[in-house]
N, C-alpha and C. Protein backbone atom coordinates (compact mmCIF):
# COMPACT_ATOMS: atom_id res chain seq x y z
N UNK A 1 -20.06 22.15 -50.25
CA UNK A 1 -20.20 20.60 -49.63
C UNK A 1 -20.83 19.81 -50.75
N UNK A 2 -20.18 18.89 -51.14
CA UNK A 2 -20.69 17.82 -52.08
C UNK A 2 -21.06 16.59 -51.51
N UNK A 3 -22.13 16.19 -51.53
CA UNK A 3 -22.73 14.76 -51.13
C UNK A 3 -22.78 13.87 -52.13
N UNK A 4 -22.09 12.76 -52.11
CA UNK A 4 -22.47 11.77 -53.27
C UNK A 4 -22.29 10.20 -52.70
N UNK A 5 -22.48 9.46 -53.69
CA UNK A 5 -22.32 7.91 -53.46
C UNK A 5 -21.89 7.38 -54.76
N UNK A 6 -21.05 6.31 -54.44
CA UNK A 6 -20.44 5.62 -55.61
C UNK A 6 -21.48 4.68 -56.18
N UNK A 7 -22.52 4.43 -55.54
CA UNK A 7 -23.56 3.52 -56.08
C UNK A 7 -24.89 4.31 -56.49
N UNK A 8 -24.56 5.41 -57.15
CA UNK A 8 -25.65 6.39 -57.56
C UNK A 8 -26.48 5.86 -58.66
N UNK A 9 -26.01 5.31 -59.66
CA UNK A 9 -26.79 4.79 -60.76
C UNK A 9 -27.30 5.67 -61.72
N UNK A 10 -27.19 6.91 -61.56
CA UNK A 10 -27.72 7.99 -62.39
C UNK A 10 -26.53 8.99 -62.65
N UNK A 11 -25.89 9.52 -61.61
CA UNK A 11 -24.83 10.55 -61.71
C UNK A 11 -23.49 9.92 -61.29
N UNK A 12 -22.58 9.88 -62.20
CA UNK A 12 -21.10 9.24 -61.84
C UNK A 12 -20.50 10.09 -60.67
N UNK A 13 -20.18 9.37 -59.63
CA UNK A 13 -19.64 10.00 -58.51
C UNK A 13 -18.69 11.04 -58.77
N UNK A 14 -17.65 10.69 -59.90
CA UNK A 14 -16.57 11.56 -60.22
C UNK A 14 -17.17 12.92 -60.75
N UNK A 15 -18.28 12.76 -61.32
CA UNK A 15 -18.74 14.10 -61.84
C UNK A 15 -19.39 15.04 -60.70
N UNK A 16 -19.82 14.21 -59.43
CA UNK A 16 -20.41 15.07 -58.45
C UNK A 16 -19.11 15.55 -57.40
N UNK A 17 -18.12 14.89 -57.42
CA UNK A 17 -17.08 15.27 -56.39
C UNK A 17 -16.64 16.63 -56.93
N UNK A 18 -16.39 17.35 -55.78
CA UNK A 18 -15.90 18.67 -55.89
C UNK A 18 -14.28 18.63 -55.61
N UNK A 19 -13.52 19.52 -56.15
CA UNK A 19 -12.05 19.80 -55.85
C UNK A 19 -12.03 20.25 -54.56
N UNK A 20 -11.26 19.47 -53.69
CA UNK A 20 -11.09 19.82 -52.37
C UNK A 20 -10.39 21.07 -52.24
N UNK A 21 -10.77 21.87 -51.25
CA UNK A 21 -10.09 23.13 -51.07
C UNK A 21 -10.44 23.62 -49.64
N UNK A 22 -10.04 24.73 -49.12
CA UNK A 22 -10.09 25.37 -48.01
C UNK A 22 -11.70 25.61 -47.58
N UNK A 23 -12.49 25.74 -48.55
CA UNK A 23 -13.90 25.94 -48.07
C UNK A 23 -14.89 25.09 -49.08
N UNK A 24 -14.33 24.01 -49.37
CA UNK A 24 -15.13 23.05 -50.13
C UNK A 24 -14.87 21.53 -49.42
N UNK A 25 -15.85 20.64 -49.59
CA UNK A 25 -15.62 19.31 -49.13
C UNK A 25 -16.53 18.41 -49.86
N UNK A 26 -16.07 17.18 -49.69
CA UNK A 26 -16.80 15.92 -50.31
C UNK A 26 -17.15 15.05 -49.12
N UNK A 27 -18.34 14.74 -49.09
CA UNK A 27 -18.97 13.73 -48.16
C UNK A 27 -19.70 12.59 -48.99
N UNK A 28 -18.93 11.42 -48.67
CA UNK A 28 -19.66 10.16 -49.35
C UNK A 28 -20.54 9.46 -48.52
N UNK A 29 -21.47 8.94 -48.96
CA UNK A 29 -22.62 8.47 -48.24
C UNK A 29 -23.07 7.07 -48.91
N UNK A 30 -23.41 6.14 -48.08
CA UNK A 30 -24.03 4.99 -48.87
C UNK A 30 -25.46 5.33 -49.38
N UNK A 31 -25.80 4.70 -50.48
CA UNK A 31 -27.33 4.82 -50.86
C UNK A 31 -27.16 5.03 -52.54
N UNK A 32 -28.44 5.27 -52.96
CA UNK A 32 -28.69 5.42 -54.36
C UNK A 32 -29.21 6.96 -54.55
N UNK A 33 -29.26 7.13 -55.96
CA UNK A 33 -29.46 8.47 -56.42
C UNK A 33 -31.10 8.81 -55.96
N UNK A 34 -32.08 7.91 -56.10
CA UNK A 34 -33.40 8.36 -55.80
C UNK A 34 -33.43 8.26 -54.43
N UNK A 35 -32.74 7.54 -53.67
CA UNK A 35 -32.74 7.39 -52.10
C UNK A 35 -31.98 8.65 -51.36
N UNK A 36 -31.22 9.31 -52.01
CA UNK A 36 -30.31 10.54 -51.35
C UNK A 36 -31.30 11.48 -50.61
N UNK A 37 -32.47 12.01 -51.07
CA UNK A 37 -33.40 12.96 -50.39
C UNK A 37 -33.93 12.35 -48.93
N UNK A 38 -33.97 10.96 -48.73
CA UNK A 38 -34.50 10.47 -47.62
C UNK A 38 -33.52 9.73 -46.95
N UNK A 39 -32.25 9.71 -47.17
CA UNK A 39 -31.19 8.98 -46.67
C UNK A 39 -30.92 9.62 -45.23
N UNK A 40 -30.87 8.84 -44.16
CA UNK A 40 -30.53 9.41 -42.97
C UNK A 40 -29.08 10.11 -42.81
N UNK A 41 -28.31 9.61 -43.36
CA UNK A 41 -26.99 10.09 -43.49
C UNK A 41 -26.97 11.55 -44.20
N UNK A 42 -27.55 11.62 -45.20
CA UNK A 42 -27.56 12.86 -46.05
C UNK A 42 -28.38 13.94 -45.19
N UNK A 43 -29.46 13.48 -44.84
CA UNK A 43 -30.20 14.54 -43.85
C UNK A 43 -29.53 15.14 -42.35
N UNK A 44 -28.70 14.02 -42.08
CA UNK A 44 -27.81 14.46 -40.85
C UNK A 44 -26.88 15.58 -41.41
N UNK A 45 -26.31 15.23 -42.50
CA UNK A 45 -25.09 16.22 -42.97
C UNK A 45 -25.68 17.42 -43.58
N UNK A 46 -26.81 17.39 -44.14
CA UNK A 46 -27.37 18.79 -44.82
C UNK A 46 -27.98 19.56 -43.19
N UNK A 47 -28.35 18.82 -42.37
CA UNK A 47 -28.91 19.65 -41.15
C UNK A 47 -27.62 20.41 -40.48
N UNK A 48 -26.51 19.63 -40.52
CA UNK A 48 -25.41 20.11 -39.86
C UNK A 48 -24.78 21.29 -40.72
N UNK A 49 -24.81 21.32 -42.02
CA UNK A 49 -24.42 22.31 -42.91
C UNK A 49 -25.17 23.47 -42.58
N UNK A 50 -26.46 23.28 -42.56
CA UNK A 50 -27.42 24.51 -42.47
C UNK A 50 -27.43 25.02 -41.16
N UNK A 51 -26.93 24.29 -40.22
CA UNK A 51 -26.89 24.83 -38.71
C UNK A 51 -25.64 25.81 -38.56
N UNK A 52 -24.82 26.00 -39.37
CA UNK A 52 -23.55 26.69 -39.32
C UNK A 52 -24.01 28.25 -39.43
N UNK A 53 -23.32 29.04 -38.34
CA UNK A 53 -23.62 30.44 -38.35
C UNK A 53 -23.09 31.04 -39.76
N UNK A 54 -23.74 31.99 -40.36
CA UNK A 54 -23.51 32.73 -41.52
C UNK A 54 -21.97 33.26 -41.31
N UNK A 55 -21.12 33.01 -42.19
CA UNK A 55 -19.84 33.36 -42.30
C UNK A 55 -18.80 32.60 -41.58
N UNK A 56 -19.18 31.49 -40.88
CA UNK A 56 -18.18 30.75 -39.98
C UNK A 56 -18.34 29.21 -40.62
N UNK A 57 -18.06 29.20 -41.89
CA UNK A 57 -17.98 27.64 -42.50
C UNK A 57 -16.88 26.92 -41.79
N UNK A 58 -17.09 25.82 -41.61
CA UNK A 58 -16.09 24.82 -41.03
C UNK A 58 -16.40 23.37 -41.82
N UNK A 59 -15.52 22.69 -41.89
CA UNK A 59 -15.85 21.28 -42.61
C UNK A 59 -16.71 20.42 -41.76
N UNK A 60 -17.37 19.57 -42.31
CA UNK A 60 -18.08 18.64 -41.41
C UNK A 60 -17.24 17.65 -40.73
N UNK A 61 -17.62 17.39 -39.63
CA UNK A 61 -17.01 16.45 -38.73
C UNK A 61 -17.99 15.45 -38.21
N UNK A 62 -17.72 14.15 -38.41
CA UNK A 62 -18.70 13.30 -37.94
C UNK A 62 -18.61 13.12 -36.39
N UNK A 63 -19.87 13.14 -35.89
CA UNK A 63 -19.99 12.98 -34.52
C UNK A 63 -19.53 11.63 -33.83
N UNK A 64 -18.78 11.47 -32.97
CA UNK A 64 -18.35 10.10 -32.54
C UNK A 64 -19.71 9.18 -32.12
N UNK A 65 -20.50 9.81 -31.54
CA UNK A 65 -21.81 8.94 -31.26
C UNK A 65 -22.60 8.74 -32.55
N UNK A 66 -22.35 9.18 -33.67
CA UNK A 66 -23.04 8.97 -34.96
C UNK A 66 -22.11 8.01 -35.91
N UNK A 67 -20.93 7.76 -35.33
CA UNK A 67 -20.03 7.05 -36.28
C UNK A 67 -20.42 5.61 -36.41
N UNK A 68 -21.54 5.39 -37.01
CA UNK A 68 -21.92 4.06 -37.44
C UNK A 68 -20.84 3.27 -38.28
N UNK A 69 -20.80 2.00 -38.05
CA UNK A 69 -19.73 1.24 -38.94
C UNK A 69 -19.85 1.56 -40.31
N UNK A 70 -21.09 1.78 -40.88
CA UNK A 70 -21.14 1.96 -42.41
C UNK A 70 -20.57 3.20 -42.78
N UNK A 71 -20.69 4.24 -41.99
CA UNK A 71 -20.12 5.57 -42.27
C UNK A 71 -18.52 5.58 -42.18
N UNK A 72 -17.91 4.72 -41.46
CA UNK A 72 -16.45 4.66 -41.38
C UNK A 72 -15.89 4.36 -42.81
N UNK A 73 -16.75 3.50 -43.43
CA UNK A 73 -16.18 3.07 -44.81
C UNK A 73 -16.17 4.30 -45.70
N UNK A 74 -16.77 5.45 -45.48
CA UNK A 74 -16.79 6.53 -46.27
C UNK A 74 -16.04 7.80 -45.88
N UNK A 75 -15.01 7.55 -44.90
CA UNK A 75 -14.20 8.50 -44.38
C UNK A 75 -13.37 9.40 -45.32
N UNK A 76 -12.83 8.78 -46.45
CA UNK A 76 -11.85 9.55 -47.24
C UNK A 76 -12.47 9.88 -48.59
N UNK A 77 -13.64 10.65 -48.53
CA UNK A 77 -14.20 11.02 -49.84
C UNK A 77 -13.32 12.18 -50.40
N UNK A 78 -12.66 13.09 -49.46
CA UNK A 78 -11.98 14.27 -50.21
C UNK A 78 -10.66 13.49 -50.91
N UNK A 79 -10.05 12.56 -50.38
CA UNK A 79 -9.08 11.86 -51.00
C UNK A 79 -9.43 11.24 -52.25
N UNK A 80 -10.52 10.59 -52.32
CA UNK A 80 -11.11 10.11 -53.56
C UNK A 80 -11.36 11.19 -54.68
N UNK A 81 -12.04 12.12 -54.27
CA UNK A 81 -12.22 13.20 -55.06
C UNK A 81 -11.04 13.95 -55.61
N UNK A 82 -10.08 14.08 -54.67
CA UNK A 82 -8.69 14.73 -55.17
C UNK A 82 -8.05 13.87 -56.35
N UNK A 83 -8.07 12.56 -56.10
CA UNK A 83 -7.48 11.75 -57.15
C UNK A 83 -8.16 11.77 -58.49
N UNK A 84 -9.66 12.08 -58.51
CA UNK A 84 -10.24 12.29 -59.68
C UNK A 84 -9.77 13.54 -60.42
N UNK A 85 -9.57 14.57 -59.69
CA UNK A 85 -9.06 15.86 -60.18
C UNK A 85 -7.79 15.77 -60.57
N UNK A 86 -7.05 15.00 -59.85
CA UNK A 86 -5.58 14.90 -60.19
C UNK A 86 -5.55 14.21 -61.63
N UNK A 87 -6.30 13.05 -61.88
CA UNK A 87 -6.37 12.31 -63.10
C UNK A 87 -6.83 13.46 -64.28
N UNK A 88 -7.79 14.19 -64.02
CA UNK A 88 -8.39 15.21 -64.88
C UNK A 88 -7.24 16.29 -65.34
N UNK A 89 -6.32 16.67 -64.43
CA UNK A 89 -5.35 17.50 -64.60
C UNK A 89 -4.36 16.87 -65.45
N UNK A 90 -4.11 15.74 -65.34
CA UNK A 90 -2.99 15.06 -66.03
C UNK A 90 -3.61 14.44 -67.51
N UNK A 91 -4.60 14.46 -67.68
CA UNK A 91 -5.35 14.09 -68.98
C UNK A 91 -4.83 14.90 -70.07
N UNK A 92 -5.00 14.36 -71.38
CA UNK A 92 -4.83 15.13 -72.49
C UNK A 92 -5.65 16.28 -72.65
N UNK A 93 -5.15 17.48 -72.83
CA UNK A 93 -5.95 18.72 -73.02
C UNK A 93 -6.77 18.74 -74.13
N UNK A 94 -6.51 18.04 -75.27
CA UNK A 94 -6.98 17.86 -76.58
C UNK A 94 -8.45 17.15 -76.21
N UNK A 95 -8.46 16.31 -75.40
CA UNK A 95 -9.61 15.44 -74.98
C UNK A 95 -10.50 16.19 -74.11
N UNK A 96 -10.07 16.84 -73.08
CA UNK A 96 -10.90 17.28 -72.08
C UNK A 96 -11.08 18.94 -72.39
N UNK A 97 -10.13 19.60 -73.07
CA UNK A 97 -10.46 20.80 -73.37
C UNK A 97 -10.42 21.72 -72.07
N UNK A 98 -11.33 22.67 -71.85
CA UNK A 98 -11.61 23.37 -70.74
C UNK A 98 -12.56 22.77 -69.73
N UNK A 99 -12.49 21.51 -69.42
CA UNK A 99 -13.35 20.96 -68.79
C UNK A 99 -13.80 21.61 -67.48
N UNK A 100 -15.07 21.78 -67.10
CA UNK A 100 -15.68 22.46 -65.91
C UNK A 100 -16.82 21.71 -65.53
N UNK A 101 -16.73 21.23 -64.34
CA UNK A 101 -17.95 20.51 -63.78
C UNK A 101 -19.09 21.48 -63.63
N UNK A 102 -20.16 21.36 -64.36
CA UNK A 102 -21.41 22.23 -63.90
C UNK A 102 -21.99 22.23 -62.56
N UNK A 103 -21.50 21.05 -61.85
CA UNK A 103 -21.96 21.05 -60.35
C UNK A 103 -21.10 21.80 -59.46
N UNK A 104 -20.01 22.11 -59.72
CA UNK A 104 -19.25 22.63 -58.72
C UNK A 104 -18.30 23.79 -58.91
N UNK A 105 -18.05 23.94 -60.22
CA UNK A 105 -17.00 25.01 -60.61
C UNK A 105 -17.88 26.35 -61.06
N UNK A 106 -18.70 26.89 -60.23
CA UNK A 106 -19.39 28.01 -60.37
C UNK A 106 -18.64 29.11 -60.01
N UNK A 107 -18.74 30.37 -60.60
CA UNK A 107 -18.00 31.57 -60.11
C UNK A 107 -18.25 31.70 -58.66
N UNK A 108 -17.29 32.06 -57.96
CA UNK A 108 -17.37 32.36 -56.45
C UNK A 108 -17.62 31.12 -55.68
N UNK A 109 -17.67 30.04 -56.15
CA UNK A 109 -18.14 28.99 -55.23
C UNK A 109 -16.90 28.56 -54.32
N UNK A 110 -15.83 28.63 -54.84
CA UNK A 110 -14.54 28.29 -53.83
C UNK A 110 -14.45 29.29 -52.93
N UNK A 111 -14.95 30.49 -53.18
CA UNK A 111 -14.76 31.63 -52.12
C UNK A 111 -15.98 31.71 -51.18
N UNK A 112 -17.08 30.77 -51.55
CA UNK A 112 -18.20 30.91 -50.76
C UNK A 112 -19.05 31.89 -51.12
N UNK A 113 -18.93 32.53 -52.26
CA UNK A 113 -19.75 33.66 -52.66
C UNK A 113 -20.69 33.44 -53.80
N UNK A 114 -20.58 32.17 -54.23
CA UNK A 114 -21.61 31.77 -55.49
C UNK A 114 -22.65 30.90 -55.15
């Protein structure tokens, strides 16, 4: 699970976005870099992710009673992240080389073992 904000100011959201897959997800929240640790949306998502039983990963689903208008704006984070990865894959190999995001492309990350 990658939680990011386009208004981070320190980390470009495209560097924080993970490649969407069967055991990965992107969750965009409103806020700033320094505010993420105390952001109520982030705290809700992290607590939801930690409450999952071991070995029973499921993508985050917003609760209808928590669907505040501000969160509706950030519903397509996986779609935004996928477009970033599509752009990277289409870019000139001479420029990108073997680009690997240090945030998400760790061995076993996609399989849930890393």
